[in-house]
């Protein structure tokens, strides 16, 4: 339910609200989709100060948990398959 609420806030450009919800989800459940979206907030500076290194760290954790979105984001950044998912 919280993911739906967070996604709705994100899609309506209410980034401060979606950031808070995703942060709560990740801190309590380690949900890979919420982790990916939280990384997106940090990468793009949506509702929070931009922090690319932390975004990449979140995406690596989400990727290891099976998030294809996170894997794709890492591939886009690194442009190589050999570097995308290393810790």
Protein backbone atom coordinates (compact mmCIF):
# COMPACT_ATOMS: atom_id res chain seq x y z
CA UNK A 1 0.00 0.00 0.00
CA UNK A 2 2.78 2.45 0.85
CA UNK A 3 4.46 1.82 -2.51
CA UNK A 4 1.24 2.80 -4.28
CA UNK A 5 1.00 5.98 -2.22
CA UNK A 6 4.65 6.82 -2.88
CA UNK A 7 4.34 6.12 -6.60
CA UNK A 8 1.26 8.30 -6.83
CA UNK A 9 3.02 11.18 -5.06
CA UNK A 10 6.04 10.74 -7.36
CA UNK A 11 3.90 10.72 -10.51
CA UNK A 12 2.17 13.90 -9.33
CA UNK A 13 5.55 15.63 -8.79
CA UNK A 14 5.11 15.68 -5.01
CA UNK A 15 8.72 14.66 -4.55
CA UNK A 16 9.13 15.68 -0.91
CA UNK A 17 6.22 13.42 0.01
CA UNK A 18 7.33 10.50 -2.16
CA UNK A 19 10.88 10.80 -0.81
CA UNK A 20 9.63 10.53 2.77
CA UNK A 21 7.46 7.50 2.00
CA UNK A 22 10.19 5.67 0.04
CA UNK A 23 12.68 6.39 2.84
CA UNK A 24 10.31 4.87 5.38
CA UNK A 25 9.68 1.80 3.19
CA UNK A 26 13.39 1.19 2.63
CA UNK A 27 14.26 1.62 6.30
CA UNK A 28 11.64 -0.90 7.39
CA UNK A 29 11.40 -3.44 4.56
CA UNK A 30 14.43 -3.08 2.24
CA UNK A 31 11.94 -3.25 -0.68
CA UNK A 32 13.96 -3.32 -3.92
CA UNK A 33 11.50 -1.18 -5.89
CA UNK A 34 11.36 1.47 -3.16
CA UNK A 35 15.17 1.35 -2.98
CA UNK A 36 15.38 1.98 -6.73
CA UNK A 37 12.96 4.91 -6.49
CA UNK A 38 14.80 6.37 -3.51
CA UNK A 39 17.99 6.17 -5.57
CA UNK A 40 16.19 8.03 -8.36
CA UNK A 41 15.34 10.81 -5.90
CA UNK A 42 18.99 11.11 -4.89
CA UNK A 43 20.32 10.84 -8.46
CA UNK A 44 18.03 13.54 -9.83
CA UNK A 45 17.79 15.67 -6.68
CA UNK A 46 14.03 15.22 -6.35
CA UNK A 47 12.86 16.36 -2.91
CA UNK A 48 16.39 16.00 -1.58
CA UNK A 49 19.84 17.34 -2.36
CA UNK A 50 21.42 15.51 -5.28
CA UNK A 51 23.81 12.74 -4.20
CA UNK A 52 24.87 10.57 -7.12
CA UNK A 53 27.21 8.36 -5.08
CA UNK A 54 24.45 7.47 -2.63
CA UNK A 55 22.01 6.88 -5.51
CA UNK A 56 24.45 4.42 -7.08
CA UNK A 57 24.89 2.68 -3.73
CA UNK A 58 21.12 2.28 -3.40
CA UNK A 59 20.82 1.03 -6.97
CA UNK A 60 23.56 -1.56 -6.39
CA UNK A 61 21.69 -2.89 -3.35
CA UNK A 62 18.41 -2.91 -5.26
CA UNK A 63 20.10 -4.63 -8.19
CA UNK A 64 21.44 -7.37 -5.93
CA UNK A 65 17.92 -7.81 -4.60
CA UNK A 66 16.68 -8.36 -8.17
CA UNK A 67 15.56 -4.92 -9.38
CA UNK A 68 15.79 -4.76 -13.15
CA UNK A 69 15.17 -1.01 -13.03
CA UNK A 70 18.21 -0.57 -10.81
CA UNK A 71 20.31 -2.78 -13.08
CA UNK A 72 19.28 -0.70 -16.08
CA UNK A 73 20.04 2.57 -14.25
CA UNK A 74 23.51 1.29 -13.39
CA UNK A 75 24.08 0.22 -16.98
CA UNK A 76 23.05 3.65 -18.23
CA UNK A 77 25.53 5.32 -15.90
CA UNK A 78 28.45 3.01 -16.45
CA UNK A 79 27.79 2.24 -20.13
CA UNK A 80 29.41 -1.17 -19.55
CA UNK A 81 28.13 -4.46 -18.28
CA UNK A 82 31.39 -5.26 -16.44
CA UNK A 83 31.05 -2.34 -14.02
CA UNK A 84 27.31 -2.08 -13.47
CA UNK A 85 26.73 -4.35 -10.53
CA UNK A 86 30.00 -4.50 -8.60
CA UNK A 87 29.95 -3.50 -4.96
